C-alpha atoms as a PDB file:
ATOM      1  CA  UNK A   1       2.526  -1.520 -12.221  1.00  0.00           C
ATOM      2  CA  UNK A   2       1.852  -4.980 -13.784  1.00  0.00           C
ATOM      3  CA  UNK A   3       1.998  -5.936 -17.449  1.00  0.00           C
ATOM      4  CA  UNK A   4       1.771  -9.087 -19.233  1.00  0.00           C
ATOM      5  CA  UNK A   5       5.150 -10.813 -19.748  1.00  0.00           C
ATOM      6  CA  UNK A   6       4.116 -13.778 -21.869  1.00  0.00           C
ATOM      7  CA  UNK A   7       4.961 -16.167 -18.829  1.00  0.00           C
ATOM      8  CA  UNK A   8       2.934 -19.356 -19.104  1.00  0.00           C
ATOM      9  CA  UNK A   9       1.589 -21.088 -15.985  1.00  0.00           C
ATOM     10  CA  UNK A  10       4.020 -23.851 -16.678  1.00  0.00           C
ATOM     11  CA  UNK A  11       7.146 -23.846 -18.842  1.00  0.00           C
ATOM     12  CA  UNK A  12       9.424 -26.291 -20.384  1.00  0.00           C
ATOM     13  CA  UNK A  13      12.608 -26.679 -18.634  1.00  0.00           C
ATOM     14  CA  UNK A  14      14.626 -24.882 -21.448  1.00  0.00           C
ATOM     15  CA  UNK A  15      12.153 -22.104 -21.703  1.00  0.00           C
ATOM     16  CA  UNK A  16      12.466 -21.448 -17.921  1.00  0.00           C
ATOM     17  CA  UNK A  17      16.258 -21.667 -17.985  1.00  0.00           C
ATOM     18  CA  UNK A  18      16.271 -19.114 -20.994  1.00  0.00           C
ATOM     19  CA  UNK A  19      13.987 -16.926 -18.930  1.00  0.00           C
ATOM     20  CA  UNK A  20      16.409 -16.994 -16.057  1.00  0.00           C
ATOM     21  CA  UNK A  21      19.287 -16.195 -18.191  1.00  0.00           C
ATOM     22  CA  UNK A  22      17.537 -13.292 -19.891  1.00  0.00           C
ATOM     23  CA  UNK A  23      16.469 -11.772 -16.627  1.00  0.00           C
ATOM     24  CA  UNK A  24      19.888 -12.128 -15.132  1.00  0.00           C
ATOM     25  CA  UNK A  25      21.543 -10.622 -18.243  1.00  0.00           C
ATOM     26  CA  UNK A  26      18.701  -7.638 -18.095  1.00  0.00           C
ATOM     27  CA  UNK A  27      19.744  -6.968 -14.318  1.00  0.00           C
ATOM     28  CA  UNK A  28      23.489  -6.830 -15.103  1.00  0.00           C
ATOM     29  CA  UNK A  29      22.699  -4.535 -18.059  1.00  0.00           C
ATOM     30  CA  UNK A  30      20.595  -2.316 -15.908  1.00  0.00           C
ATOM     31  CA  UNK A  31      23.180  -2.076 -13.054  1.00  0.00           C
ATOM     32  CA  UNK A  32      25.958  -1.141 -15.613  1.00  0.00           C
ATOM     33  CA  UNK A  33      24.284   1.113 -18.100  1.00  0.00           C
ATOM     34  CA  UNK A  34      20.786   2.221 -16.688  1.00  0.00           C
ATOM     35  CA  UNK A  35      17.419   1.837 -18.323  1.00  0.00           C
ATOM     36  CA  UNK A  36      18.156   4.374 -21.123  1.00  0.00           C
ATOM     37  CA  UNK A  37      20.762   2.185 -22.622  1.00  0.00           C
ATOM     38  CA  UNK A  38      18.949  -1.075 -22.088  1.00  0.00           C
ATOM     39  CA  UNK A  39      18.672  -2.935 -25.291  1.00  0.00           C
ATOM     40  CA  UNK A  40      16.872  -6.212 -26.024  1.00  0.00           C
ATOM     41  CA  UNK A  41      19.596  -7.095 -28.643  1.00  0.00           C
ATOM     42  CA  UNK A  42      22.245  -6.526 -26.063  1.00  0.00           C
ATOM     43  CA  UNK A  43      20.320  -8.566 -23.350  1.00  0.00           C
ATOM     44  CA  UNK A  44      20.005 -11.421 -25.826  1.00  0.00           C
ATOM     45  CA  UNK A  45      23.715 -11.614 -26.670  1.00  0.00           C
ATOM     46  CA  UNK A  46      24.622 -11.384 -22.903  1.00  0.00           C
ATOM     47  CA  UNK A  47      22.069 -14.279 -22.146  1.00  0.00           C
ATOM     48  CA  UNK A  48      23.381 -16.393 -25.041  1.00  0.00           C
ATOM     49  CA  UNK A  49      19.993 -16.640 -26.672  1.00  0.00           C
ATOM     50  CA  UNK A  50      18.426 -15.540 -29.961  1.00  0.00           C
ATOM     51  CA  UNK A  51      16.930 -11.867 -30.153  1.00  0.00           C
ATOM     52  CA  UNK A  52      13.758 -13.358 -31.426  1.00  0.00           C
ATOM     53  CA  UNK A  53      13.494 -15.507 -28.099  1.00  0.00           C
ATOM     54  CA  UNK A  54      13.780 -12.125 -26.180  1.00  0.00           C
ATOM     55  CA  UNK A  55      11.101 -10.303 -28.195  1.00  0.00           C
ATOM     56  CA  UNK A  56       8.604 -13.356 -28.256  1.00  0.00           C
ATOM     57  CA  UNK A  57       8.728 -13.486 -24.619  1.00  0.00           C
ATOM     58  CA  UNK A  58       8.916  -9.872 -23.394  1.00  0.00           C
ATOM     59  CA  UNK A  59       7.782  -8.086 -26.522  1.00  0.00           C
ATOM     60  CA  UNK A  60       9.424  -4.674 -25.606  1.00  0.00           C
ATOM     61  CA  UNK A  61      11.894  -3.269 -23.234  1.00  0.00           C
ATOM     62  CA  UNK A  62       8.866  -2.160 -21.120  1.00  0.00           C
ATOM     63  CA  UNK A  63       7.716  -5.847 -20.936  1.00  0.00           C
ATOM     64  CA  UNK A  64      11.186  -6.860 -19.849  1.00  0.00           C
ATOM     65  CA  UNK A  65      11.126  -4.273 -17.049  1.00  0.00           C
ATOM     66  CA  UNK A  66       7.827  -5.292 -15.848  1.00  0.00           C
ATOM     67  CA  UNK A  67       9.116  -8.968 -15.725  1.00  0.00           C
ATOM     68  CA  UNK A  68      12.047  -8.012 -13.598  1.00  0.00           C
ATOM     69  CA  UNK A  69       9.685  -6.328 -11.126  1.00  0.00           C
ATOM     70  CA  UNK A  70       7.608  -9.382 -11.030  1.00  0.00           C
ATOM     71  CA  UNK A  71      10.439 -11.648 -10.729  1.00  0.00           C
ATOM     72  CA  UNK A  72      11.822  -9.584  -7.725  1.00  0.00           C
ATOM     73  CA  UNK A  73       8.419  -9.583  -6.074  1.00  0.00           C
ATOM     74  CA  UNK A  74       8.226 -13.390  -6.329  1.00  0.00           C
ATOM     75  CA  UNK A  75      11.655 -13.660  -4.760  1.00  0.00           C
ATOM     76  CA  UNK A  76      10.606 -11.268  -1.952  1.00  0.00           C
ATOM     77  CA  UNK A  77       7.539 -13.326  -1.199  1.00  0.00           C
ATOM     78  CA  UNK A  78       9.456 -16.618  -1.027  1.00  0.00           C
ATOM     79  CA  UNK A  79      11.997 -15.193   1.552  1.00  0.00           C
ATOM     80  CA  UNK A  80       9.181 -13.864   3.607  1.00  0.00           C
ATOM     81  CA  UNK A  81       7.376 -17.131   3.512  1.00  0.00           C
ATOM     82  CA  UNK A  82      10.608 -18.913   4.700  1.00  0.00           C
ATOM     83  CA  UNK A  83      10.868 -16.154   7.485  1.00  0.00           C
ATOM     84  CA  UNK A  84       7.235 -17.030   8.547  1.00  0.00           C
ATOM     85  CA  UNK A  85       8.030 -20.691   8.653  1.00  0.00           C
ATOM     86  CA  UNK A  86      11.045 -20.331  10.960  1.00  0.00           C
ATOM     87  CA  UNK A  87      10.319 -20.461  14.584  1.00  0.00           C
ATOM     88  CA  UNK A  88       6.626 -19.278  14.164  1.00  0.00           C
ATOM     89  CA  UNK A  89       7.410 -15.291  14.586  1.00  0.00           C
ATOM     90  CA  UNK A  90       5.047 -13.154  16.258  1.00  0.00           C
ATOM     91  CA  UNK A  91       2.845 -10.744  14.252  1.00  0.00           C
ATOM     92  CA  UNK A  92       5.089  -8.037  15.348  1.00  0.00           C
ATOM     93  CA  UNK A  93       8.172  -9.819  14.020  1.00  0.00           C
ATOM     94  CA  UNK A  94       6.401 -10.825  10.754  1.00  0.00           C
ATOM     95  CA  UNK A  95       5.246  -7.253  10.111  1.00  0.00           C
ATOM     96  CA  UNK A  96       8.631  -5.872  10.800  1.00  0.00           C
ATOM     97  CA  UNK A  97      10.393  -8.251   8.522  1.00  0.00           C
ATOM     98  CA  UNK A  98       7.805  -7.714   5.862  1.00  0.00           C
ATOM     99  CA  UNK A  99       8.386  -3.898   6.102  1.00  0.00           C
ATOM    100  CA  UNK A 100      12.108  -4.177   6.211  1.00  0.00           C
ATOM    101  CA  UNK A 101      11.898  -6.533   3.233  1.00  0.00           C
ATOM    102  CA  UNK A 102       9.758  -4.170   1.424  1.00  0.00           C
ATOM    103  CA  UNK A 103      12.288  -1.342   1.942  1.00  0.00           C
ATOM    104  CA  UNK A 104      15.175  -3.467   0.395  1.00  0.00           C
ATOM    105  CA  UNK A 105      12.877  -4.640  -2.293  1.00  0.00           C
ATOM    106  CA  UNK A 106      12.087  -0.772  -3.271  1.00  0.00           C
ATOM    107  CA  UNK A 107      15.837   0.101  -2.860  1.00  0.00           C
ATOM    108  CA  UNK A 108      16.957  -2.740  -5.197  1.00  0.00           C
ATOM    109  CA  UNK A 109      14.349  -1.792  -7.832  1.00  0.00           C
ATOM    110  CA  UNK A 110      14.321   1.846  -7.329  1.00  0.00           C
ATOM    111  CA  UNK A 111      15.055   2.571 -10.932  1.00  0.00           C
ATOM    112  CA  UNK A 112      12.684   0.058 -12.297  1.00  0.00           C
ATOM    113  CA  UNK A 113       9.803   1.356  -9.978  1.00  0.00           C
ATOM    114  CA  UNK A 114      10.445   4.990 -10.791  1.00  0.00           C
ATOM    115  CA  UNK A 115      10.098   4.048 -14.496  1.00  0.00           C
ATOM    116  CA  UNK A 116       6.823   2.420 -13.818  1.00  0.00           C
ATOM    117  CA  UNK A 117       5.535   5.039 -11.599  1.00  0.00           C
ATOM    118  CA  UNK A 118       6.341   7.828 -14.314  1.00  0.00           C
ATOM    119  CA  UNK A 119       4.569   5.757 -17.008  1.00  0.00           C
ATOM    120  CA  UNK A 120       1.440   4.986 -15.147  1.00  0.00           C
ATOM    121  CA  UNK A 121       1.382   7.433 -12.093  1.00  0.00           C
ATOM    122  CA  UNK A 122      -1.621   5.592 -10.346  1.00  0.00           C
ATOM    123  CA  UNK A 123      -0.990   2.282 -11.563  1.00  0.00           C
ATOM    124  CA  UNK A 124       0.819   1.155  -8.553  1.00  0.00           C
ATOM    125  CA  UNK A 125      -2.590   1.289  -6.582  1.00  0.00           C
ATOM    126  CA  UNK A 126      -4.127  -1.160  -9.079  1.00  0.00           C
ATOM    127  CA  UNK A 127      -1.339  -3.554  -9.445  1.00  0.00           C
ATOM    128  CA  UNK A 128      -1.421  -7.173  -8.324  1.00  0.00           C
ATOM    129  CA  UNK A 129       1.711  -6.520  -5.769  1.00  0.00           C
ATOM    130  CA  UNK A 130       0.132  -3.564  -4.109  1.00  0.00           C
ATOM    131  CA  UNK A 131      -3.133  -5.487  -3.494  1.00  0.00           C
ATOM    132  CA  UNK A 132      -1.132  -8.380  -2.138  1.00  0.00           C
ATOM    133  CA  UNK A 133       0.922  -6.336   0.087  1.00  0.00           C
ATOM    134  CA  UNK A 134      -2.132  -4.432   1.348  1.00  0.00           C
ATOM    135  CA  UNK A 135      -3.958  -7.769   2.305  1.00  0.00           C
ATOM    136  CA  UNK A 136      -0.859  -9.152   4.053  1.00  0.00           C
ATOM    137  CA  UNK A 137      -0.412  -6.121   6.106  1.00  0.00           C
ATOM    138  CA  UNK A 138      -3.985  -5.876   7.175  1.00  0.00           C
ATOM    139  CA  UNK A 139      -3.805  -9.480   8.252  1.00  0.00           C
ATOM    140  CA  UNK A 140      -0.815  -8.916  10.481  1.00  0.00           C
ATOM    141  CA  UNK A 141      -2.081  -5.591  11.645  1.00  0.00           C
ATOM    142  CA  UNK A 142      -5.418  -7.226  12.675  1.00  0.00           C
ATOM    143  CA  UNK A 143      -3.401  -9.674  14.765  1.00  0.00           C
ATOM    144  CA  UNK A 144      -0.952  -7.294  16.062  1.00  0.00           C
ATOM    145  CA  UNK A 145      -3.244  -4.487  16.904  1.00  0.00           C
ATOM    146  CA  UNK A 146      -6.855  -5.298  16.600  1.00  0.00           C
ATOM    147  CA  UNK A 147      -7.999  -1.824  17.706  1.00  0.00           C
ATOM    148  CA  UNK A 148      -6.822  -0.008  14.777  1.00  0.00           C
ATOM    149  CA  UNK A 149      -8.425   0.666  11.346  1.00  0.00           C
ATOM    150  CA  UNK A 150      -6.088  -2.045   9.579  1.00  0.00           C
ATOM    151  CA  UNK A 151      -7.020  -1.202   6.144  1.00  0.00           C
ATOM    152  CA  UNK A 152      -6.424   2.501   6.454  1.00  0.00           C
ATOM    153  CA  UNK A 153      -3.155   1.946   8.494  1.00  0.00           C
ATOM    154  CA  UNK A 154      -2.016  -0.521   5.595  1.00  0.00           C
ATOM    155  CA  UNK A 155      -2.364   2.337   3.051  1.00  0.00           C
ATOM    156  CA  UNK A 156      -0.470   4.749   5.247  1.00  0.00           C
ATOM    157  CA  UNK A 157       2.405   2.165   5.759  1.00  0.00           C
ATOM    158  CA  UNK A 158       2.557   1.291   1.988  1.00  0.00           C
ATOM    159  CA  UNK A 159       2.746   5.078   1.181  1.00  0.00           C
ATOM    160  CA  UNK A 160       6.321   4.767   2.567  1.00  0.00           C
ATOM    161  CA  UNK A 161       7.289   2.570  -0.268  1.00  0.00           C
ATOM    162  CA  UNK A 162       6.004   4.976  -3.083  1.00  0.00           C
ATOM    163  CA  UNK A 163       8.919   4.947  -5.315  1.00  0.00           C
ATOM    164  CA  UNK A 164       9.036   8.807  -5.855  1.00  0.00           C
ATOM    165  CA  UNK A 165       8.965   9.427  -1.910  1.00  0.00           C
ATOM    166  CA  UNK A 166      11.459   6.691  -1.227  1.00  0.00           C
ATOM    167  CA  UNK A 167      13.880   7.994  -4.061  1.00  0.00           C
ATOM    168  CA  UNK A 168      13.430  11.531  -2.509  1.00  0.00           C
ATOM    169  CA  UNK A 169      14.464  10.548   0.831  1.00  0.00           C
ATOM    170  CA  UNK A 170      17.421   8.491  -0.390  1.00  0.00           C
ATOM    171  CA  UNK A 171      18.733  11.085  -2.772  1.00  0.00           C
ATOM    172  CA  UNK A 172      17.463  14.543  -1.537  1.00  0.00           C
ATOM    173  CA  UNK A 173      17.335  14.051   2.170  1.00  0.00           C
ATOM    174  CA  UNK A 174      20.303  11.777   2.052  1.00  0.00           C
ATOM    175  CA  UNK A 175      18.681   8.997   4.114  1.00  0.00           C
ATOM    176  CA  UNK A 176      20.116   5.545   4.118  1.00  0.00           C
ATOM    177  CA  UNK A 177      17.827   2.446   4.108  1.00  0.00           C
ATOM    178  CA  UNK A 178      18.626   1.934   7.750  1.00  0.00           C
ATOM    179  CA  UNK A 179      17.186   5.262   8.879  1.00  0.00           C
ATOM    180  CA  UNK A 180      13.958   4.422   6.920  1.00  0.00           C
ATOM    181  CA  UNK A 181      13.756   0.969   8.397  1.00  0.00           C
ATOM    182  CA  UNK A 182      14.218   2.850  11.829  1.00  0.00           C
ATOM    183  CA  UNK A 183      11.318   4.975  10.976  1.00  0.00           C
ATOM    184  CA  UNK A 184       9.182   2.290  10.211  1.00  0.00           C
ATOM    185  CA  UNK A 185      10.190   0.452  13.539  1.00  0.00           C
ATOM    186  CA  UNK A 186       8.964   3.574  15.333  1.00  0.00           C
ATOM    187  CA  UNK A 187       5.503   3.471  13.784  1.00  0.00           C
ATOM    188  CA  UNK A 188       5.311  -0.218  14.269  1.00  0.00           C
ATOM    189  CA  UNK A 189       6.053   0.307  18.013  1.00  0.00           C
ATOM    190  CA  UNK A 190       3.402   2.775  18.274  1.00  0.00           C
ATOM    191  CA  UNK A 191       0.830   0.300  16.725  1.00  0.00           C
ATOM    192  CA  UNK A 192       2.087  -2.357  19.050  1.00  0.00           C
ATOM    193  CA  UNK A 193       1.110  -0.211  21.913  1.00  0.00           C
ATOM    194  CA  UNK A 194      -2.501   0.492  20.633  1.00  0.00           C
ATOM    195  CA  UNK A 195      -5.072  -0.838  23.111  1.00  0.00           C
ATOM    196  CA  UNK A 196      -8.760  -1.909  22.551  1.00  0.00           C
ATOM    197  CA  UNK A 197     -11.261  -1.332  19.693  1.00  0.00           C
ATOM    198  CA  UNK A 198     -10.621   1.687  17.605  1.00  0.00           C
ATOM    199  CA  UNK A 199     -13.534   4.158  17.726  1.00  0.00           C
ATOM    200  CA  UNK A 200     -14.121   7.309  15.984  1.00  0.00           C
ATOM    201  CA  UNK A 201     -15.265  10.220  18.247  1.00  0.00           C
ATOM    202  CA  UNK A 202     -18.287   8.776  19.924  1.00  0.00           C
ATOM    203  CA  UNK A 203     -18.797   6.354  16.894  1.00  0.00           C
ATOM    204  CA  UNK A 204     -18.751   2.581  16.675  1.00  0.00           C
ATOM    205  CA  UNK A 205     -15.635   0.463  16.273  1.00  0.00           C
ATOM    206  CA  UNK A 206     -14.213  -0.176  12.721  1.00  0.00           C
ATOM    207  CA  UNK A 207     -13.164  -3.380  11.459  1.00  0.00           C
ATOM    208  CA  UNK A 208     -10.287  -4.337   9.223  1.00  0.00           C
ATOM    209  CA  UNK A 209     -12.027  -3.638   6.104  1.00  0.00           C
ATOM    210  CA  UNK A 210     -12.706   0.096   7.032  1.00  0.00           C
ATOM    211  CA  UNK A 211     -16.270  -0.216   7.692  1.00  0.00           C
ATOM    212  CA  UNK A 212     -18.371   0.503  10.863  1.00  0.00           C
ATOM    213  CA  UNK A 213     -19.759  -2.125  13.192  1.00  0.00           C
ATOM    214  CA  UNK A 214     -19.768  -5.858  12.758  1.00  0.00           C
ATOM    215  CA  UNK A 215     -20.755  -5.862   9.001  1.00  0.00           C
ATOM    216  CA  UNK A 216     -19.052  -4.654   5.836  1.00  0.00           C
ATOM    217  CA  UNK A 217     -16.344  -6.033   3.433  1.00  0.00           C
ATOM    218  CA  UNK A 218     -12.897  -5.420   2.892  1.00  0.00           C
ATOM    219  CA  UNK A 219     -10.730  -3.137   0.597  1.00  0.00           C
ATOM    220  CA  UNK A 220      -7.704  -3.783  -1.287  1.00  0.00           C
END
């Protein structure tokens, strides 16, 4: 789900301003006209920059879409970091805020994420955002419910944010985002009630990486 966007580790102030103006213009165009009508020429005009500037930075319409997804992910992570810095919330509150934030992120980027999913169906599972989300959820689950197989449960939780499923729930089932968040809260409440070390039937406890016993690595 990730693609190179041409963004350098550090940017000149004017280049950074142009990038923000281009992304803001692209968001407005997408909201008004949808992806099919998105044009780099129109985005450049709306942003007040040269067409060549847009093509040099993003290369294609797909590159611009991926840049929007990555920029929105960065904003989500910044908001979550601010939440965690306030009042030292518990693992339960952090995970709840994280899952609710993901629901809003998918809702706000549904069309973009559906396009990415359609172009590379399994690409999401190899993307940097998915790996990051998985790692973050595993960490919070391990603190909240040390008895669960955190790596596996993290995969299950992230399935709720698969663009196709999320869109089906919103459009075909007619569920609003509040209902989806409520379902996530129900799952989270059950996890919070989980007791001691999780065991397979008669088997050893499993660690957060999905391996038996004290050894083993992590996935994600």
